[in-house]
Every structure is written in structure tokens, then in C-alpha cells.
Amino acid sequence: MNRYIYYRVPVEKTALLLQRVGLMFGEIEARTAVTCELSRRAQADHGFHTWMEIYHGIPDGFGEMLSACEAQASLASLIEGTRHVDDFLPVSELR
């Protein structure tokens, strides 16, 4: 299963977000076999970028560890609004 999380961050906080997410990804990848990826919409919208964290191959119980890593990285202080979380199964796993 893969987890997709998207949210909005003010453009001026981009460097801080990249630093914090990079540290968080390092921690997650050191503790699990999960592959982490960060993407951003190409254009800003009214001073905000929309960011997408992607976690490939999440294990059972991943959410609790991710929440702890997010809190440690203080991501909530950078995000405007809600973090939207969706889990998807690759088609190959549906059989």
C-alpha cells in the first residue's frame, strides 16, 4: 500500500519545509523499508504551494510512526489548513 499526503504551505516557508521533511524522511527510511518522495505543484496559488508526500510500501502500523515523526519535525507549524491523507493499493496487489 502507498500513502499520499497533501497540504498547503506558504511560499516563504519552502526552505524550512524542505529541511524538516528531509530530516523526517531520513528517519523513516532508517527505521523502515518505506521509500519516501516529496512533490510540489508547479505553480503557487495565492502565495501557497501544494506539497505531496508519498510513501511507497507502507507496513501495518505505519501511521503511528509517521505521526510521531511529523510531530518531531514540527510540520504542523508550517502547514496552512489540513493535511489530507489517502492510502492506495497498487493494482498488482488487488488480485
PDB file of N, CA and C in Angstrom:
ATOM      1  N   MET A   1       0.847  -1.169   0.000  1.00  0.00           N
ATOM      2  CA  MET A   1       0.000   0.000   0.000  1.00  0.00           C
ATOM      3  C   MET A   1       0.895   1.235   0.000  1.00  0.00           C
ATOM      4  N   ASN A   2       0.403   2.283  -0.627  1.00  0.00           N
ATOM      5  CA  ASN A   2       1.118   3.561  -0.670  1.00  0.00           C
ATOM      6  C   ASN A   2       0.265   4.642  -0.016  1.00  0.00           C
ATOM      7  N   ARG A   3       0.921   5.551   0.664  1.00  0.00           N
ATOM      8  CA  ARG A   3       0.218   6.657   1.330  1.00  0.00           C
ATOM      9  C   ARG A   3       0.582   7.963   0.643  1.00  0.00           C
ATOM     10  N   TYR A   4      -0.456   8.770   0.403  1.00  0.00           N
ATOM     11  CA  TYR A   4      -0.313  10.079  -0.230  1.00  0.00           C
ATOM     12  C   TYR A   4      -0.860  11.116   0.729  1.00  0.00           C
ATOM     13  N   ILE A   5      -0.067  12.147   1.009  1.00  0.00           N
ATOM     14  CA  ILE A   5      -0.480  13.203   1.932  1.00  0.00           C
ATOM     15  C   ILE A   5      -0.204  14.544   1.262  1.00  0.00           C
ATOM     16  N   TYR A   6      -1.244  15.369   1.162  1.00  0.00           N
ATOM     17  CA  TYR A   6      -1.018  16.680   0.556  1.00  0.00           C
ATOM     18  C   TYR A   6      -1.517  17.789   1.475  1.00  0.00           C
ATOM     19  N   TYR A   7      -0.894  18.960   1.304  1.00  0.00           N
ATOM     20  CA  TYR A   7      -1.170  20.111   2.165  1.00  0.00           C
ATOM     21  C   TYR A   7      -0.591  21.358   1.537  1.00  0.00           C
ATOM     22  N   ARG A   8      -0.968  22.516   2.095  1.00  0.00           N
ATOM     23  CA  ARG A   8      -0.506  23.816   1.584  1.00  0.00           C
ATOM     24  C   ARG A   8       0.437  24.471   2.586  1.00  0.00           C
ATOM     25  N   VAL A   9       1.479  25.082   2.032  1.00  0.00           N
ATOM     26  CA  VAL A   9       2.487  25.773   2.844  1.00  0.00           C
ATOM     27  C   VAL A   9       2.783  27.116   2.188  1.00  0.00           C
ATOM     28  N   PRO A  10       2.881  28.197   2.966  1.00  0.00           N
ATOM     29  CA  PRO A  10       3.247  29.487   2.379  1.00  0.00           C
ATOM     30  C   PRO A  10       4.580  29.392   1.629  1.00  0.00           C
ATOM     31  N   VAL A  11       4.650  30.043   0.492  1.00  0.00           N
ATOM     32  CA  VAL A  11       5.845  30.005  -0.355  1.00  0.00           C
ATOM     33  C   VAL A  11       7.090  30.377   0.438  1.00  0.00           C
ATOM     34  N   GLU A  12       6.986  31.360   1.305  1.00  0.00           N
ATOM     35  CA  GLU A  12       8.169  31.819   2.040  1.00  0.00           C
ATOM     36  C   GLU A  12       8.695  30.797   3.052  1.00  0.00           C
ATOM     37  N   LYS A  13       7.949  29.728   3.313  1.00  0.00           N
ATOM     38  CA  LYS A  13       8.395  28.682   4.242  1.00  0.00           C
ATOM     39  C   LYS A  13       8.944  27.460   3.514  1.00  0.00           C
ATOM     40  N   THR A  14       9.181  27.573   2.203  1.00  0.00           N
ATOM     41  CA  THR A  14       9.637  26.439   1.404  1.00  0.00           C
ATOM     42  C   THR A  14      10.946  25.847   1.923  1.00  0.00           C
ATOM     43  N   ALA A  15      11.943  26.664   2.155  1.00  0.00           N
ATOM     44  CA  ALA A  15      13.253  26.160   2.593  1.00  0.00           C
ATOM     45  C   ALA A  15      13.134  25.412   3.920  1.00  0.00           C
ATOM     46  N   LEU A  16      12.354  25.953   4.843  1.00  0.00           N
ATOM     47  CA  LEU A  16      12.171  25.304   6.140  1.00  0.00           C
ATOM     48  C   LEU A  16      11.432  23.978   5.983  1.00  0.00           C
ATOM     49  N   LEU A  17      10.411  23.948   5.136  1.00  0.00           N
ATOM     50  CA  LEU A  17       9.683  22.705   4.889  1.00  0.00           C
ATOM     51  C   LEU A  17      10.620  21.643   4.310  1.00  0.00           C
ATOM     52  N   LEU A  18      11.413  22.011   3.319  1.00  0.00           N
ATOM     53  CA  LEU A  18      12.329  21.053   2.701  1.00  0.00           C
ATOM     54  C   LEU A  18      13.310  20.478   3.725  1.00  0.00           C
ATOM     55  N   GLN A  19      13.789  21.319   4.602  1.00  0.00           N
ATOM     56  CA  GLN A  19      14.714  20.865   5.643  1.00  0.00           C
ATOM     57  C   GLN A  19      14.022  19.872   6.578  1.00  0.00           C
ATOM     58  N   ARG A  20      12.854  20.240   7.066  1.00  0.00           N
ATOM     59  CA  ARG A  20      12.146  19.392   8.035  1.00  0.00           C
ATOM     60  C   ARG A  20      11.675  18.078   7.412  1.00  0.00           C
ATOM     61  N   VAL A  21      11.133  18.139   6.212  1.00  0.00           N
ATOM     62  CA  VAL A  21      10.680  16.908   5.554  1.00  0.00           C
ATOM     63  C   VAL A  21      11.877  16.019   5.242  1.00  0.00           C
ATOM     64  N   GLY A  22      12.988  16.608   4.833  1.00  0.00           N
ATOM     65  CA  GLY A  22      14.192  15.819   4.569  1.00  0.00           C
ATOM     66  C   GLY A  22      14.656  15.052   5.796  1.00  0.00           C
ATOM     67  N   LEU A  23      14.653  15.696   6.943  1.00  0.00           N
ATOM     68  CA  LEU A  23      15.028  15.025   8.189  1.00  0.00           C
ATOM     69  C   LEU A  23      14.029  13.930   8.540  1.00  0.00           C
ATOM     70  N   MET A  24      12.744  14.220   8.358  1.00  0.00           N
ATOM     71  CA  MET A  24      11.700  13.242   8.650  1.00  0.00           C
ATOM     72  C   MET A  24      11.840  12.025   7.733  1.00  0.00           C
ATOM     73  N   PHE A  25      12.058  12.255   6.439  1.00  0.00           N
ATOM     74  CA  PHE A  25      12.228  11.153   5.500  1.00  0.00           C
ATOM     75  C   PHE A  25      13.441  10.303   5.877  1.00  0.00           C
ATOM     76  N   GLY A  26      14.519  10.949   6.275  1.00  0.00           N
ATOM     77  CA  GLY A  26      15.709  10.212   6.697  1.00  0.00           C
ATOM     78  C   GLY A  26      15.423   9.289   7.862  1.00  0.00           C
ATOM     79  N   GLU A  27      14.666   9.776   8.825  1.00  0.00           N
ATOM     80  CA  GLU A  27      14.288   8.972   9.989  1.00  0.00           C
ATOM     81  C   GLU A  27      13.410   7.797   9.572  1.00  0.00           C
ATOM     82  N   ILE A  28      12.420   8.054   8.729  1.00  0.00           N
ATOM     83  CA  ILE A  28      11.505   6.995   8.290  1.00  0.00           C
ATOM     84  C   ILE A  28      12.262   5.935   7.500  1.00  0.00           C
ATOM     85  N   GLU A  29      13.100   6.353   6.580  1.00  0.00           N
ATOM     86  CA  GLU A  29      13.831   5.397   5.750  1.00  0.00           C
ATOM     87  C   GLU A  29      14.858   4.606   6.563  1.00  0.00           C
ATOM     88  N   ALA A  30      15.378   5.191   7.642  1.00  0.00           N
ATOM     89  CA  ALA A  30      16.309   4.474   8.514  1.00  0.00           C
ATOM     90  C   ALA A  30      15.590   3.417   9.352  1.00  0.00           C
ATOM     91  N   ARG A  31      14.305   3.656   9.651  1.00  0.00           N
ATOM     92  CA  ARG A  31      13.554   2.756  10.527  1.00  0.00           C
ATOM     93  C   ARG A  31      12.696   1.739   9.793  1.00  0.00           C
ATOM     94  N   THR A  32      12.463   1.948   8.494  1.00  0.00           N
ATOM     95  CA  THR A  32      11.557   1.078   7.737  1.00  0.00           C
ATOM     96  C   THR A  32      12.131   0.815   6.348  1.00  0.00           C
ATOM     97  N   ALA A  33      11.422   0.000   5.589  1.00  0.00           N
ATOM     98  CA  ALA A  33      11.774  -0.235   4.175  1.00  0.00           C
ATOM     99  C   ALA A  33      10.955   0.669   3.260  1.00  0.00           C
ATOM    100  N   VAL A  34      10.268   1.649   3.827  1.00  0.00           N
ATOM    101  CA  VAL A  34       9.417   2.565   3.068  1.00  0.00           C
ATOM    102  C   VAL A  34      10.284   3.528   2.260  1.00  0.00           C
ATOM    103  N   THR A  35       9.891   3.745   1.012  1.00  0.00           N
ATOM    104  CA  THR A  35      10.540   4.737   0.164  1.00  0.00           C
ATOM    105  C   THR A  35       9.715   6.012   0.220  1.00  0.00           C
ATOM    106  N   CYS A  36      10.357   7.143   0.502  1.00  0.00           N
ATOM    107  CA  CYS A  36       9.676   8.427   0.659  1.00  0.00           C
ATOM    108  C   CYS A  36       9.952   9.322  -0.541  1.00  0.00           C
ATOM    109  N   GLU A  37       8.948  10.102  -0.902  1.00  0.00           N
ATOM    110  CA  GLU A  37       9.075  11.011  -2.042  1.00  0.00           C
ATOM    111  C   GLU A  37       8.305  12.292  -1.726  1.00  0.00           C
ATOM    112  N   LEU A  38       8.823  13.426  -2.148  1.00  0.00           N
ATOM    113  CA  LEU A  38       8.160  14.713  -1.966  1.00  0.00           C
ATOM    114  C   LEU A  38       7.987  15.377  -3.323  1.00  0.00           C
ATOM    115  N   SER A  39       6.771  15.856  -3.587  1.00  0.00           N
ATOM    116  CA  SER A  39       6.467  16.571  -4.826  1.00  0.00           C
ATOM    117  C   SER A  39       5.753  17.863  -4.489  1.00  0.00           C
ATOM    118  N   ARG A  40       5.753  18.777  -5.478  1.00  0.00           N
ATOM    119  CA  ARG A  40       5.083  20.060  -5.299  1.00  0.00           C
ATOM    120  C   ARG A  40       4.383  20.431  -6.598  1.00  0.00           C
ATOM    121  N   ARG A  41       3.215  21.049  -6.475  1.00  0.00           N
ATOM    122  CA  ARG A  41       2.579  21.584  -7.673  1.00  0.00           C
ATOM    123  C   ARG A  41       3.508  22.617  -8.291  1.00  0.00           C
ATOM    124  N   ALA A  42       3.460  22.714  -9.603  1.00  0.00           N
ATOM    125  CA  ALA A  42       4.396  23.578 -10.328  1.00  0.00           C
ATOM    126  C   ALA A  42       4.219  25.057  -9.996  1.00  0.00           C
ATOM    127  N   GLN A  43       3.000  25.500  -9.809  1.00  0.00           N
ATOM    128  CA  GLN A  43       2.729  26.917  -9.595  1.00  0.00           C
ATOM    129  C   GLN A  43       2.189  27.174  -8.195  1.00  0.00           C
ATOM    130  N   ALA A  44       2.545  28.318  -7.650  1.00  0.00           N
ATOM    131  CA  ALA A  44       1.974  28.757  -6.377  1.00  0.00           C
ATOM    132  C   ALA A  44       0.556  29.271  -6.624  1.00  0.00           C
ATOM    133  N   ASP A  45      -0.283  29.184  -5.608  1.00  0.00           N
ATOM    134  CA  ASP A  45      -1.654  29.668  -5.683  1.00  0.00           C
ATOM    135  C   ASP A  45      -1.884  30.614  -4.514  1.00  0.00           C
ATOM    136  N   HIS A  46      -1.990  31.894  -4.797  1.00  0.00           N
ATOM    137  CA  HIS A  46      -2.231  32.919  -3.771  1.00  0.00           C
ATOM    138  C   HIS A  46      -1.213  32.841  -2.638  1.00  0.00           C
ATOM    139  N   GLY A  47       0.065  32.661  -3.002  1.00  0.00           N
ATOM    140  CA  GLY A  47       1.130  32.659  -2.005  1.00  0.00           C
ATOM    141  C   GLY A  47       1.376  31.322  -1.327  1.00  0.00           C
ATOM    142  N   PHE A  48       0.747  30.263  -1.813  1.00  0.00           N
ATOM    143  CA  PHE A  48       0.904  28.933  -1.217  1.00  0.00           C
ATOM    144  C   PHE A  48       1.328  27.927  -2.281  1.00  0.00           C
ATOM    145  N   HIS A  49       2.178  26.984  -1.868  1.00  0.00           N
ATOM    146  CA  HIS A  49       2.480  25.815  -2.684  1.00  0.00           C
ATOM    147  C   HIS A  49       1.709  24.636  -2.095  1.00  0.00           C
ATOM    148  N   THR A  50       1.257  23.753  -2.953  1.00  0.00           N
ATOM    149  CA  THR A  50       0.666  22.498  -2.503  1.00  0.00           C
ATOM    150  C   THR A  50       1.740  21.427  -2.619  1.00  0.00           C
ATOM    151  N   TRP A  51       1.965  20.721  -1.517  1.00  0.00           N
ATOM    152  CA  TRP A  51       3.000  19.695  -1.419  1.00  0.00           C
ATOM    153  C   TRP A  51       2.353  18.328  -1.276  1.00  0.00           C
ATOM    154  N   MET A  52       3.051  17.297  -1.771  1.00  0.00           N
ATOM    155  CA  MET A  52       2.573  15.918  -1.669  1.00  0.00           C
ATOM    156  C   MET A  52       3.707  15.037  -1.164  1.00  0.00           C
ATOM    157  N   GLU A  53       3.468  14.413  -0.005  1.00  0.00           N
ATOM    158  CA  GLU A  53       4.383  13.386   0.498  1.00  0.00           C
ATOM    159  C   GLU A  53       3.839  12.050  -0.001  1.00  0.00           C
ATOM    160  N   ILE A  54       4.736  11.204  -0.506  1.00  0.00           N
ATOM    161  CA  ILE A  54       4.342   9.887  -0.991  1.00  0.00           C
ATOM    162  C   ILE A  54       5.208   8.852  -0.282  1.00  0.00           C
ATOM    163  N   TYR A  55       4.547   7.849   0.270  1.00  0.00           N
ATOM    164  CA  TYR A  55       5.229   6.772   0.984  1.00  0.00           C
ATOM    165  C   TYR A  55       4.885   5.464   0.289  1.00  0.00           C
ATOM    166  N   HIS A  56       5.898   4.814  -0.287  1.00  0.00           N
ATOM    167  CA  HIS A  56       5.707   3.585  -1.053  1.00  0.00           C
ATOM    168  C   HIS A  56       5.975   2.362  -0.174  1.00  0.00           C
ATOM    169  N   GLY A  57       5.024   1.427  -0.178  1.00  0.00           N
ATOM    170  CA  GLY A  57       5.210   0.170   0.540  1.00  0.00           C
ATOM    171  C   GLY A  57       5.096   0.295   2.042  1.00  0.00           C
ATOM    172  N   ILE A  58       4.039   0.968   2.510  1.00  0.00           N
ATOM    173  CA  ILE A  58       3.906   1.180   3.954  1.00  0.00           C
ATOM    174  C   ILE A  58       3.473  -0.110   4.658  1.00  0.00           C
ATOM    175  N   PRO A  59       4.049  -0.386   5.822  1.00  0.00           N
ATOM    176  CA  PRO A  59       3.670  -1.569   6.601  1.00  0.00           C
ATOM    177  C   PRO A  59       2.499  -1.257   7.533  1.00  0.00           C
ATOM    178  N   ASP A  60       1.930  -2.296   8.126  1.00  0.00           N
ATOM    179  CA  ASP A  60       0.914  -2.106   9.163  1.00  0.00           C
ATOM    180  C   ASP A  60       1.518  -1.270  10.290  1.00  0.00           C
ATOM    181  N   GLY A  61       0.726  -0.394  10.861  1.00  0.00           N
ATOM    182  CA  GLY A  61       1.195   0.439  11.962  1.00  0.00           C
ATOM    183  C   GLY A  61       2.018   1.640  11.534  1.00  0.00           C
ATOM    184  N   PHE A  62       2.153   1.875  10.240  1.00  0.00           N
ATOM    185  CA  PHE A  62       2.973   2.981   9.746  1.00  0.00           C
ATOM    186  C   PHE A  62       2.440   4.336  10.211  1.00  0.00           C
ATOM    187  N   GLY A  63       1.131   4.474  10.286  1.00  0.00           N
ATOM    188  CA  GLY A  63       0.522   5.751  10.651  1.00  0.00           C
ATOM    189  C   GLY A  63       0.990   6.295  11.990  1.00  0.00           C
ATOM    190  N   GLU A  64       1.122   5.423  12.971  1.00  0.00           N
ATOM    191  CA  GLU A  64       1.562   5.865  14.297  1.00  0.00           C
ATOM    192  C   GLU A  64       2.994   6.383  14.258  1.00  0.00           C
ATOM    193  N   MET A  65       3.870   5.645  13.560  1.00  0.00           N
ATOM    194  CA  MET A  65       5.253   6.084  13.456  1.00  0.00           C
ATOM    195  C   MET A  65       5.346   7.389  12.678  1.00  0.00           C
ATOM    196  N   LEU A  66       4.578   7.490  11.586  1.00  0.00           N
ATOM    197  CA  LEU A  66       4.586   8.707  10.780  1.00  0.00           C
ATOM    198  C   LEU A  66       4.114   9.900  11.606  1.00  0.00           C
ATOM    199  N   SER A  67       3.065   9.721  12.389  1.00  0.00           N
ATOM    200  CA  SER A  67       2.572  10.813  13.241  1.00  0.00           C
ATOM    201  C   SER A  67       3.646  11.291  14.210  1.00  0.00           C
ATOM    202  N   ALA A  68       4.367  10.365  14.792  1.00  0.00           N
ATOM    203  CA  ALA A  68       5.438  10.731  15.724  1.00  0.00           C
ATOM    204  C   ALA A  68       6.548  11.489  14.993  1.00  0.00           C
ATOM    205  N   CYS A  69       6.900  11.038  13.796  1.00  0.00           N
ATOM    206  CA  CYS A  69       7.945  11.717  13.019  1.00  0.00           C
ATOM    207  C   CYS A  69       7.493  13.108  12.585  1.00  0.00           C
ATOM    208  N   GLU A  70       6.221  13.243  12.217  1.00  0.00           N
ATOM    209  CA  GLU A  70       5.674  14.553  11.836  1.00  0.00           C
ATOM    210  C   GLU A  70       5.731  15.521  13.012  1.00  0.00           C
ATOM    211  N   ALA A  71       5.363  15.034  14.181  1.00  0.00           N
ATOM    212  CA  ALA A  71       5.395  15.883  15.380  1.00  0.00           C
ATOM    213  C   ALA A  71       6.831  16.297  15.699  1.00  0.00           C
ATOM    214  N   GLN A  72       7.757  15.355  15.603  1.00  0.00           N
ATOM    215  CA  GLN A  72       9.167  15.657  15.877  1.00  0.00           C
ATOM    216  C   GLN A  72       9.706  16.701  14.897  1.00  0.00           C
ATOM    217  N   ALA A  73       9.250  16.653  13.654  1.00  0.00           N
ATOM    218  CA  ALA A  73       9.698  17.606  12.636  1.00  0.00           C
ATOM    219  C   ALA A  73       8.948  18.935  12.697  1.00  0.00           C
ATOM    220  N   SER A  74       7.946  19.036  13.537  1.00  0.00           N
ATOM    221  CA  SER A  74       7.122  20.248  13.692  1.00  0.00           C
ATOM    222  C   SER A  74       6.527  20.714  12.360  1.00  0.00           C
ATOM    223  N   LEU A  75       6.014  19.768  11.572  1.00  0.00           N
ATOM    224  CA  LEU A  75       5.428  20.128  10.288  1.00  0.00           C
ATOM    225  C   LEU A  75       4.152  20.947  10.443  1.00  0.00           C
ATOM    226  N   ALA A  76       3.375  20.662  11.455  1.00  0.00           N
ATOM    227  CA  ALA A  76       2.094  21.349  11.630  1.00  0.00           C
ATOM    228  C   ALA A  76       2.259  22.868  11.698  1.00  0.00           C
ATOM    229  N   SER A  77       3.382  23.339  12.205  1.00  0.00           N
ATOM    230  CA  SER A  77       3.589  24.781  12.335  1.00  0.00           C
ATOM    231  C   SER A  77       3.804  25.461  10.978  1.00  0.00           C
ATOM    232  N   LEU A  78       4.075  24.690   9.933  1.00  0.00           N
ATOM    233  CA  LEU A  78       4.309  25.251   8.601  1.00  0.00           C
ATOM    234  C   LEU A  78       3.088  25.153   7.695  1.00  0.00           C
ATOM    235  N   ILE A  79       2.153  24.280   8.045  1.00  0.00           N
ATOM    236  CA  ILE A  79       1.043  23.940   7.154  1.00  0.00           C
ATOM    237  C   ILE A  79      -0.162  24.829   7.418  1.00  0.00           C
ATOM    238  N   GLU A  80      -0.737  25.318   6.335  1.00  0.00           N
ATOM    239  CA  GLU A  80      -1.974  26.099   6.396  1.00  0.00           C
ATOM    240  C   GLU A  80      -3.128  25.153   6.075  1.00  0.00           C
ATOM    241  N   GLY A  81      -4.032  24.983   7.026  1.00  0.00           N
ATOM    242  CA  GLY A  81      -5.176  24.103   6.788  1.00  0.00           C
ATOM    243  C   GLY A  81      -4.892  22.669   7.193  1.00  0.00           C
ATOM    244  N   THR A  82      -5.481  21.756   6.455  1.00  0.00           N
ATOM    245  CA  THR A  82      -5.485  20.339   6.802  1.00  0.00           C
ATOM    246  C   THR A  82      -4.497  19.541   5.972  1.00  0.00           C
ATOM    247  N   ARG A  83      -3.907  18.522   6.591  1.00  0.00           N
ATOM    248  CA  ARG A  83      -3.140  17.502   5.853  1.00  0.00           C
ATOM    249  C   ARG A  83      -4.154  16.455   5.396  1.00  0.00           C
ATOM    250  N   HIS A  84      -4.214  16.227   4.115  1.00  0.00           N
ATOM    251  CA  HIS A  84      -5.151  15.256   3.545  1.00  0.00           C
ATOM    252  C   HIS A  84      -4.402  13.955   3.309  1.00  0.00           C
ATOM    253  N   VAL A  85      -4.920  12.858   3.862  1.00  0.00           N
ATOM    254  CA  VAL A  85      -4.242  11.561   3.803  1.00  0.00           C
ATOM    255  C   VAL A  85      -5.102  10.563   3.043  1.00  0.00           C
ATOM    256  N   ASP A  86      -4.487   9.885   2.054  1.00  0.00           N
ATOM    257  CA  ASP A  86      -5.162   8.841   1.292  1.00  0.00           C
ATOM    258  C   ASP A  86      -4.211   7.671   1.103  1.00  0.00           C
ATOM    259  N   ASP A  87      -4.732   6.450   1.271  1.00  0.00           N
ATOM    260  CA  ASP A  87      -3.963   5.238   1.012  1.00  0.00           C
ATOM    261  C   ASP A  87      -4.502   4.572  -0.249  1.00  0.00           C
ATOM    262  N   PHE A  88      -3.594   4.095  -1.094  1.00  0.00           N
ATOM    263  CA  PHE A  88      -3.958   3.423  -2.340  1.00  0.00           C
ATOM    264  C   PHE A  88      -3.205   2.110  -2.445  1.00  0.00           C
ATOM    265  N   LEU A  89      -3.888   1.099  -2.968  1.00  0.00           N
ATOM    266  CA  LEU A  89      -3.263  -0.179  -3.280  1.00  0.00           C
ATOM    267  C   LEU A  89      -2.888  -0.199  -4.747  1.00  0.00           C
ATOM    268  N   PRO A  90      -1.652  -0.588  -5.072  1.00  0.00           N
ATOM    269  CA  PRO A  90      -1.322  -0.775  -6.485  1.00  0.00           C
ATOM    270  C   PRO A  90      -2.202  -1.883  -7.059  1.00  0.00           C
ATOM    271  N   VAL A  91      -2.537  -1.784  -8.315  1.00  0.00           N
ATOM    272  CA  VAL A  91      -3.408  -2.772  -8.967  1.00  0.00           C
ATOM    273  C   VAL A  91      -2.818  -4.169  -8.820  1.00  0.00           C
ATOM    274  N   SER A  92      -1.520  -4.283  -8.859  1.00  0.00           N
ATOM    275  CA  SER A  92      -0.881  -5.608  -8.730  1.00  0.00           C
ATOM    276  C   SER A  92      -1.196  -6.280  -7.391  1.00  0.00           C
ATOM    277  N   GLU A  93      -1.546  -5.503  -6.378  1.00  0.00           N
ATOM    278  CA  GLU A  93      -1.875  -6.058  -5.063  1.00  0.00           C
ATOM    279  C   GLU A  93      -3.352  -6.365  -4.895  1.00  0.00           C
ATOM    280  N   LEU A  94      -4.183  -6.025  -5.861  1.00  0.00           N
ATOM    281  CA  LEU A  94      -5.619  -6.242  -5.764  1.00  0.00           C
ATOM    282  C   LEU A  94      -6.047  -7.646  -6.155  1.00  0.00           C
ATOM    283  N   ARG A  95      -5.187  -8.393  -6.746  1.00  0.00           N
ATOM    284  CA  ARG A  95      -5.539  -9.734  -7.231  1.00  0.00           C
ATOM    285  C   ARG A  95      -5.600 -10.746  -6.137  1.00  0.00           C
TER     286      ARG A  95
END
